[in-house]
C-alpha atoms as a PDB file:
ATOM      1  CA  MET A   1      66.696 -15.395  -9.903  1.00  0.00           C
ATOM      2  CA  SER A   2      67.264 -18.951  -8.718  1.00  0.00           C
ATOM      3  CA  ALA A   3      64.615 -21.507  -7.789  1.00  0.00           C
ATOM      4  CA  LEU A   4      65.105 -23.773  -4.800  1.00  0.00           C
ATOM      5  CA  VAL A   5      64.957 -27.433  -5.874  1.00  0.00           C
ATOM      6  CA  VAL A   6      64.405 -30.251  -3.372  1.00  0.00           C
ATOM      7  CA  GLN A   7      65.835 -33.480  -4.801  1.00  0.00           C
ATOM      8  CA  ASN A   8      64.662 -36.500  -2.797  1.00  0.00           C
ATOM      9  CA  THR A   9      66.730 -39.357  -4.280  1.00  0.00           C
ATOM     10  CA  ALA A  10      70.152 -39.729  -5.853  1.00  0.00           C
ATOM     11  CA  ARG A  11      68.753 -40.426  -9.321  1.00  0.00           C
ATOM     12  CA  GLY A  12      65.768 -38.114  -9.094  1.00  0.00           C
ATOM     13  CA  GLY A  13      67.315 -34.883 -10.364  1.00  0.00           C
ATOM     14  CA  PRO A  14      65.634 -32.081 -12.321  1.00  0.00           C
ATOM     15  CA  GLY A  15      66.686 -33.563 -15.671  1.00  0.00           C
ATOM     16  CA  ARG A  16      65.565 -31.720 -18.760  1.00  0.00           C
ATOM     17  CA  VAL A  17      63.184 -29.557 -16.741  1.00  0.00           C
ATOM     18  CA  GLY A  18      66.291 -28.042 -15.192  1.00  0.00           C
ATOM     19  CA  ALA A  19      67.797 -27.456 -18.621  1.00  0.00           C
ATOM     20  CA  TRP A  20      64.597 -25.863 -19.914  1.00  0.00           C
ATOM     21  CA  LEU A  21      64.324 -23.617 -16.871  1.00  0.00           C
ATOM     22  CA  GLY A  22      67.926 -22.534 -17.327  1.00  0.00           C
ATOM     23  CA  ALA A  23      67.319 -21.760 -20.998  1.00  0.00           C
ATOM     24  CA  ALA A  24      64.386 -19.596 -19.913  1.00  0.00           C
ATOM     25  CA  GLY A  25      66.617 -17.649 -17.548  1.00  0.00           C
ATOM     26  CA  LEU A  26      65.762 -19.311 -14.233  1.00  0.00           C
ATOM     27  CA  GLY A  27      68.706 -20.649 -12.283  1.00  0.00           C
ATOM     28  CA  LEU A  28      68.457 -23.600  -9.919  1.00  0.00           C
ATOM     29  CA  ARG A  29      69.826 -24.203  -6.457  1.00  0.00           C
ATOM     30  CA  VAL A  30      69.508 -27.971  -6.120  1.00  0.00           C
ATOM     31  CA  LEU A  31      69.511 -29.280  -2.542  1.00  0.00           C
ATOM     32  CA  ARG A  32      69.977 -32.975  -1.772  1.00  0.00           C
ATOM     33  CA  PRO A  33      68.708 -33.564   1.759  1.00  0.00           C
ATOM     34  CA  TYR A  34      68.887 -37.351   1.325  1.00  0.00           C
ATOM     35  CA  ALA A  35      72.679 -36.811   1.259  1.00  0.00           C
ATOM     36  CA  GLY A  36      72.656 -34.666   4.385  1.00  0.00           C
ATOM     37  CA  GLU A  37      72.218 -31.185   2.907  1.00  0.00           C
ATOM     38  CA  GLU A  38      70.055 -29.022   5.113  1.00  0.00           C
ATOM     39  CA  LEU A  39      66.989 -27.294   3.741  1.00  0.00           C
ATOM     40  CA  PRO A  40      66.541 -23.597   4.509  1.00  0.00           C
ATOM     41  CA  SER A  41      63.913 -22.565   7.016  1.00  0.00           C
ATOM     42  CA  VAL A  42      62.502 -19.901   4.698  1.00  0.00           C
ATOM     43  CA  LEU A  43      62.092 -19.585   0.944  1.00  0.00           C
ATOM     44  CA  GLY A  44      62.997 -15.918   0.901  1.00  0.00           C
ATOM     45  CA  GLY A  45      60.867 -15.315  -2.175  1.00  0.00           C
ATOM     46  CA  ARG A  46      62.569 -18.014  -4.239  1.00  0.00           C
ATOM     47  CA  PRO A  47      60.389 -20.252  -6.427  1.00  0.00           C
ATOM     48  CA  LEU A  48      60.161 -23.847  -5.227  1.00  0.00           C
ATOM     49  CA  LEU A  49      60.483 -27.085  -7.180  1.00  0.00           C
ATOM     50  CA  VAL A  50      59.947 -30.371  -5.306  1.00  0.00           C
ATOM     51  CA  LEU A  51      60.923 -33.519  -7.219  1.00  0.00           C
ATOM     52  CA  GLY A  52      59.868 -37.146  -6.967  1.00  0.00           C
ATOM     53  CA  GLY A  53      60.951 -40.022  -4.750  1.00  0.00           C
ATOM     54  CA  GLY A  54      59.728 -43.333  -3.422  1.00  0.00           C
ATOM     55  CA  PHE A  55      58.112 -41.938  -0.286  1.00  0.00           C
ATOM     56  CA  LEU A  56      54.728 -40.795   0.901  1.00  0.00           C
ATOM     57  CA  PRO A  57      54.536 -37.044   1.666  1.00  0.00           C
ATOM     58  CA  ASP A  58      54.644 -37.700   5.425  1.00  0.00           C
ATOM     59  CA  ASP A  59      57.090 -40.611   5.400  1.00  0.00           C
ATOM     60  CA  ASP A  60      59.294 -38.825   7.928  1.00  0.00           C
ATOM     61  CA  ALA A  61      60.736 -42.026   9.374  1.00  0.00           C
ATOM     62  CA  ARG A  62      62.479 -42.892   6.096  1.00  0.00           C
ATOM     63  CA  ALA A  63      62.890 -39.351   4.786  1.00  0.00           C
ATOM     64  CA  PRO A  64      63.142 -36.993   7.771  1.00  0.00           C
ATOM     65  CA  TRP A  65      63.682 -33.928   5.576  1.00  0.00           C
ATOM     66  CA  LEU A  66      60.091 -34.147   4.343  1.00  0.00           C
ATOM     67  CA  ALA A  67      58.899 -32.215   7.397  1.00  0.00           C
ATOM     68  CA  ALA A  68      61.064 -29.246   6.365  1.00  0.00           C
ATOM     69  CA  THR A  69      59.906 -29.665   2.776  1.00  0.00           C
ATOM     70  CA  ARG A  70      56.263 -29.495   3.847  1.00  0.00           C
ATOM     71  CA  ARG A  71      57.008 -26.273   5.714  1.00  0.00           C
ATOM     72  CA  LEU A  72      58.526 -24.757   2.577  1.00  0.00           C
ATOM     73  CA  VAL A  73      55.479 -25.791   0.560  1.00  0.00           C
ATOM     74  CA  GLY A  74      53.244 -24.206   3.183  1.00  0.00           C
ATOM     75  CA  GLN A  75      55.258 -20.990   2.890  1.00  0.00           C
ATOM     76  CA  ALA A  76      54.911 -20.990  -0.891  1.00  0.00           C
ATOM     77  CA  LEU A  77      51.145 -21.349  -0.589  1.00  0.00           C
ATOM     78  CA  ALA A  78      50.863 -18.675   2.094  1.00  0.00           C
ATOM     79  CA  ASP A  79      53.054 -16.174   0.237  1.00  0.00           C
ATOM     80  CA  GLY A  80      51.898 -16.877  -3.323  1.00  0.00           C
ATOM     81  CA  THR A  81      55.418 -17.973  -4.279  1.00  0.00           C
ATOM     82  CA  PRO A  82      55.546 -20.009  -7.510  1.00  0.00           C
ATOM     83  CA  MET A  83      55.841 -23.737  -6.897  1.00  0.00           C
ATOM     84  CA  LEU A  84      55.936 -26.884  -9.011  1.00  0.00           C
ATOM     85  CA  GLY A  85      55.659 -30.334  -7.416  1.00  0.00           C
ATOM     86  CA  ILE A  86      56.482 -33.418  -9.487  1.00  0.00           C
ATOM     87  CA  CYS A  87      55.230 -36.913  -8.494  1.00  0.00           C
ATOM     88  CA  LEU A  88      56.043 -37.017  -4.753  1.00  0.00           C
ATOM     89  CA  GLY A  89      56.271 -33.221  -4.927  1.00  0.00           C
ATOM     90  CA  GLY A  90      52.773 -33.003  -6.359  1.00  0.00           C
ATOM     91  CA  GLN A  91      51.442 -35.390  -3.736  1.00  0.00           C
ATOM     92  CA  LEU A  92      53.119 -33.324  -1.045  1.00  0.00           C
ATOM     93  CA  LEU A  93      51.523 -30.140  -2.359  1.00  0.00           C
ATOM     94  CA  ALA A  94      48.120 -31.843  -2.361  1.00  0.00           C
ATOM     95  CA  GLN A  95      48.519 -33.029   1.221  1.00  0.00           C
ATOM     96  CA  VAL A  96      49.818 -29.715   2.591  1.00  0.00           C
ATOM     97  CA  ALA A  97      46.913 -27.890   0.940  1.00  0.00           C
ATOM     98  CA  GLY A  98      44.333 -30.239   2.489  1.00  0.00           C
ATOM     99  CA  GLY A  99      44.060 -33.183   0.098  1.00  0.00           C
ATOM    100  CA  THR A 100      44.833 -36.847   0.744  1.00  0.00           C
ATOM    101  CA  VAL A 101      47.384 -39.342  -0.577  1.00  0.00           C
ATOM    102  CA  ARG A 102      47.309 -43.126  -0.201  1.00  0.00           C
ATOM    103  CA  ALA A 103      50.063 -45.713  -0.509  1.00  0.00           C
ATOM    104  CA  ALA A 104      49.803 -48.329  -3.270  1.00  0.00           C
ATOM    105  CA  HIS A 105      46.469 -46.954  -4.405  1.00  0.00           C
ATOM    106  CA  GLY A 106      44.881 -47.897  -7.718  1.00  0.00           C
ATOM    107  CA  LYS A 107      46.749 -49.320 -10.676  1.00  0.00           C
ATOM    108  CA  PRO A 108      50.468 -48.493 -10.869  1.00  0.00           C
ATOM    109  CA  GLU A 109      51.544 -46.446 -13.870  1.00  0.00           C
ATOM    110  CA  TYR A 110      54.836 -46.974 -15.693  1.00  0.00           C
ATOM    111  CA  GLY A 111      56.225 -45.460 -18.860  1.00  0.00           C
ATOM    112  CA  SER A 112      54.689 -43.130 -21.393  1.00  0.00           C
ATOM    113  CA  THR A 113      51.074 -42.430 -20.503  1.00  0.00           C
ATOM    114  CA  ARG A 114      48.333 -40.384 -22.146  1.00  0.00           C
ATOM    115  CA  ILE A 115      47.585 -37.322 -20.034  1.00  0.00           C
ATOM    116  CA  ARG A 116      44.146 -35.859 -20.813  1.00  0.00           C
ATOM    117  CA  LEU A 117      43.737 -32.164 -20.165  1.00  0.00           C
ATOM    118  CA  ARG A 118      40.432 -31.125 -18.653  1.00  0.00           C
ATOM    119  CA  PRO A 119      38.389 -28.062 -19.699  1.00  0.00           C
ATOM    120  CA  GLU A 120      39.788 -26.246 -16.658  1.00  0.00           C
ATOM    121  CA  ALA A 121      43.223 -26.390 -18.309  1.00  0.00           C
ATOM    122  CA  LEU A 122      42.140 -24.201 -21.216  1.00  0.00           C
ATOM    123  CA  ASP A 123      42.939 -20.983 -19.363  1.00  0.00           C
ATOM    124  CA  ASP A 124      45.644 -22.298 -17.045  1.00  0.00           C
ATOM    125  CA  PRO A 125      48.947 -20.386 -17.302  1.00  0.00           C
ATOM    126  CA  LEU A 126      50.986 -23.581 -17.781  1.00  0.00           C
ATOM    127  CA  PHE A 127      48.632 -26.052 -19.481  1.00  0.00           C
ATOM    128  CA  SER A 128      46.637 -23.950 -21.945  1.00  0.00           C
ATOM    129  CA  ALA A 129      46.901 -24.901 -25.626  1.00  0.00           C
ATOM    130  CA  LEU A 130      49.167 -27.910 -25.054  1.00  0.00           C
ATOM    131  CA  GLY A 131      46.627 -30.153 -26.767  1.00  0.00           C
ATOM    132  CA  GLY A 132      43.817 -32.359 -25.560  1.00  0.00           C
ATOM    133  CA  THR A 133      46.050 -35.347 -24.855  1.00  0.00           C
ATOM    134  CA  VAL A 134      49.799 -35.255 -24.196  1.00  0.00           C
ATOM    135  CA  PRO A 135      52.194 -38.131 -23.416  1.00  0.00           C
ATOM    136  CA  ALA A 136      54.278 -38.071 -20.238  1.00  0.00           C
ATOM    137  CA  ILE A 137      56.378 -40.623 -18.388  1.00  0.00           C
ATOM    138  CA  GLU A 138      54.928 -42.110 -15.204  1.00  0.00           C
ATOM    139  CA  ARG A 139      56.468 -44.168 -12.433  1.00  0.00           C
ATOM    140  CA  HIS A 140      54.300 -44.400  -9.337  1.00  0.00           C
ATOM    141  CA  VAL A 141      52.252 -46.728  -7.143  1.00  0.00           C
ATOM    142  CA  ASP A 142      51.040 -44.172  -4.566  1.00  0.00           C
ATOM    143  CA  ALA A 143      48.399 -41.673  -5.614  1.00  0.00           C
ATOM    144  CA  ILE A 144      46.391 -38.629  -4.637  1.00  0.00           C
ATOM    145  CA  THR A 145      42.911 -39.757  -3.651  1.00  0.00           C
ATOM    146  CA  ARG A 146      41.363 -36.362  -2.928  1.00  0.00           C
ATOM    147  CA  LEU A 147      42.400 -32.929  -4.131  1.00  0.00           C
ATOM    148  CA  PRO A 148      42.368 -29.921  -1.805  1.00  0.00           C
ATOM    149  CA  ALA A 149      38.943 -28.314  -1.661  1.00  0.00           C
ATOM    150  CA  ASP A 150      40.085 -25.176  -3.494  1.00  0.00           C
ATOM    151  CA  ALA A 151      42.283 -26.896  -6.088  1.00  0.00           C
ATOM    152  CA  VAL A 152      41.669 -26.596  -9.822  1.00  0.00           C
ATOM    153  CA  TRP A 153      41.717 -30.081 -11.378  1.00  0.00           C
ATOM    154  CA  LEU A 154      43.639 -29.858 -14.666  1.00  0.00           C
ATOM    155  CA  ALA A 155      44.407 -33.344 -16.037  1.00  0.00           C
ATOM    156  CA  SER A 156      43.786 -37.066 -15.653  1.00  0.00           C
ATOM    157  CA  SER A 157      44.734 -40.438 -17.159  1.00  0.00           C
ATOM    158  CA  ASP A 158      42.906 -43.726 -17.587  1.00  0.00           C
ATOM    159  CA  ASP A 159      44.286 -45.183 -14.355  1.00  0.00           C
ATOM    160  CA  CYS A 160      44.945 -42.111 -12.220  1.00  0.00           C
ATOM    161  CA  PRO A 161      42.406 -39.273 -12.089  1.00  0.00           C
ATOM    162  CA  TYR A 162      44.562 -36.605 -10.450  1.00  0.00           C
ATOM    163  CA  GLN A 163      47.434 -36.107 -12.862  1.00  0.00           C
ATOM    164  CA  ALA A 164      47.665 -32.328 -12.528  1.00  0.00           C
ATOM    165  CA  PHE A 165      46.132 -29.575 -10.443  1.00  0.00           C
ATOM    166  CA  ARG A 166      46.690 -26.003  -9.328  1.00  0.00           C
ATOM    167  CA  VAL A 167      46.314 -24.524  -5.855  1.00  0.00           C
ATOM    168  CA  GLY A 168      45.773 -20.782  -5.866  1.00  0.00           C
ATOM    169  CA  SER A 169      47.236 -18.980  -8.865  1.00  0.00           C
ATOM    170  CA  ARG A 170      50.912 -20.013  -8.688  1.00  0.00           C
ATOM    171  CA  ALA A 171      51.310 -23.547  -7.270  1.00  0.00           C
ATOM    172  CA  TRP A 172      51.064 -26.623  -9.501  1.00  0.00           C
ATOM    173  CA  GLY A 173      51.309 -30.333  -8.795  1.00  0.00           C
ATOM    174  CA  VAL A 174      51.711 -33.106 -11.373  1.00  0.00           C
ATOM    175  CA  GLN A 175      51.794 -36.877 -10.907  1.00  0.00           C
ATOM    176  CA  PHE A 176      53.796 -37.490 -14.077  1.00  0.00           C
ATOM    177  CA  HIS A 177      57.474 -36.746 -14.795  1.00  0.00           C
ATOM    178  CA  PRO A 178      58.047 -33.987 -17.375  1.00  0.00           C
ATOM    179  CA  GLU A 179      61.753 -34.095 -16.490  1.00  0.00           C
ATOM    180  CA  ALA A 180      62.152 -37.779 -17.455  1.00  0.00           C
ATOM    181  CA  GLU A 181      63.393 -38.745 -20.907  1.00  0.00           C
ATOM    182  CA  ALA A 182      62.398 -41.845 -22.853  1.00  0.00           C
ATOM    183  CA  ARG A 183      65.989 -43.125 -22.777  1.00  0.00           C
ATOM    184  CA  ASP A 184      65.880 -43.171 -18.958  1.00  0.00           C
ATOM    185  CA  ILE A 185      63.535 -46.157 -19.068  1.00  0.00           C
ATOM    186  CA  SER A 186      66.318 -48.402 -20.383  1.00  0.00           C
ATOM    187  CA  ALA A 187      67.969 -48.131 -16.946  1.00  0.00           C
ATOM    188  CA  TRP A 188      64.863 -49.080 -14.954  1.00  0.00           C
ATOM    189  CA  ASP A 189      65.010 -52.370 -13.052  1.00  0.00           C
ATOM    190  CA  ARG A 190      63.738 -55.019 -15.462  1.00  0.00           C
ATOM    191  CA  GLU A 191      62.901 -57.585 -12.764  1.00  0.00           C
ATOM    192  CA  ARG A 192      60.935 -55.136 -10.607  1.00  0.00           C
ATOM    193  CA  LEU A 193      58.895 -54.115 -13.634  1.00  0.00           C
ATOM    194  CA  ALA A 194      58.308 -57.736 -14.593  1.00  0.00           C
ATOM    195  CA  ALA A 195      56.977 -58.403 -11.088  1.00  0.00           C
ATOM    196  CA  GLN A 196      54.330 -55.772 -11.866  1.00  0.00           C
ATOM    197  CA  GLY A 197      53.526 -57.468 -15.186  1.00  0.00           C
ATOM    198  CA  VAL A 198      55.348 -54.783 -17.183  1.00  0.00           C
ATOM    199  CA  ASP A 199      57.876 -55.335 -19.975  1.00  0.00           C
ATOM    200  CA  ARG A 200      60.676 -52.755 -19.919  1.00  0.00           C
ATOM    201  CA  ASP A 201      61.482 -53.051 -23.632  1.00  0.00           C
ATOM    202  CA  ARG A 202      57.900 -52.264 -24.582  1.00  0.00           C
ATOM    203  CA  LEU A 203      57.845 -49.312 -22.197  1.00  0.00           C
ATOM    204  CA  HIS A 204      61.031 -47.983 -23.744  1.00  0.00           C
ATOM    205  CA  ALA A 205      59.830 -48.388 -27.317  1.00  0.00           C
ATOM    206  CA  ARG A 206      56.534 -46.626 -26.649  1.00  0.00           C
ATOM    207  CA  ALA A 207      58.248 -43.774 -24.815  1.00  0.00           C
ATOM    208  CA  MET A 208      60.712 -43.299 -27.667  1.00  0.00           C
ATOM    209  CA  ALA A 209      57.823 -43.060 -30.116  1.00  0.00           C
ATOM    210  CA  ASP A 210      56.093 -40.502 -27.887  1.00  0.00           C
ATOM    211  CA  GLU A 211      59.221 -38.468 -27.169  1.00  0.00           C
ATOM    212  CA  PRO A 212      58.793 -35.723 -29.816  1.00  0.00           C
ATOM    213  CA  ALA A 213      55.269 -34.910 -28.603  1.00  0.00           C
ATOM    214  CA  ALA A 214      56.377 -35.004 -24.963  1.00  0.00           C
ATOM    215  CA  VAL A 215      59.283 -32.634 -25.589  1.00  0.00           C
ATOM    216  CA  ALA A 216      57.095 -30.248 -27.567  1.00  0.00           C
ATOM    217  CA  ALA A 217      54.530 -29.994 -24.765  1.00  0.00           C
ATOM    218  CA  TRP A 218      56.596 -30.099 -21.599  1.00  0.00           C
ATOM    219  CA  SER A 219      59.288 -27.709 -22.804  1.00  0.00           C
ATOM    220  CA  VAL A 220      56.548 -25.119 -23.340  1.00  0.00           C
ATOM    221  CA  PHE A 221      54.985 -25.969 -19.976  1.00  0.00           C
ATOM    222  CA  THR A 222      58.350 -25.540 -18.237  1.00  0.00           C
ATOM    223  CA  GLY A 223      59.106 -22.274 -19.991  1.00  0.00           C
ATOM    224  CA  ARG A 224      55.762 -20.925 -18.856  1.00  0.00           C
ATOM    225  CA  PHE A 225      56.562 -21.853 -15.270  1.00  0.00           C
ATOM    226  CA  ALA A 226      59.824 -19.920 -15.580  1.00  0.00           C
ATOM    227  CA  ALA A 227      57.845 -16.939 -16.860  1.00  0.00           C
ATOM    228  CA  VAL A 228      55.504 -17.126 -13.846  1.00  0.00           C
ATOM    229  CA  CYS A 229      58.576 -17.158 -11.587  1.00  0.00           C
ATOM    230  CA  GLY A 230      59.763 -13.951 -13.203  1.00  0.00           C
ATOM    231  CA  THR A 231      56.578 -11.984 -12.478  1.00  0.00           C
END
């Protein structure tokens, strides 16, 4: 089985999540619509992974493929097809399912961040037994401001309440980046971070310190998603 992956920017690939999914036996068909690749009109039963990008979920003027992506997300929800949305992908899932997303909302989050799992995560197929607090890399200014009415709220952070949620039994959205590695931060734009009052070297050092715990948690999380895709 292969999952359909929507990659929204040149640098925003599946990263180690892709490697973990492959190790768990789930292949990936990565589509790059920003480079002109066309998205299919139907999922055809394939699991769906929507990655991040610097757009709002309905920013069709700058990213015209998002309309097709929203249709695929709607299909996944209607059919009960497994789906994982990361950052923009999670926001898109929230919006398609009836929630709301706002631009430049709240305090931006950069670098390794403490993700607190809520009691609802205790019996979630992906989040159960990962620990009460797990580090994950963040890089966002936009945020979900209201979850869909029927969503299960799974995790939060100090500055962003809606870090993870589930819609139905097989669709998950996360605001953080389980696919991002600590070393990736060394390539982030130092001046843009400084304009936000953030020091890149400190971000990198903290993420490196948190890396073993992040790998331990998110590799398990990803393997569980692969298992859901196989059922």
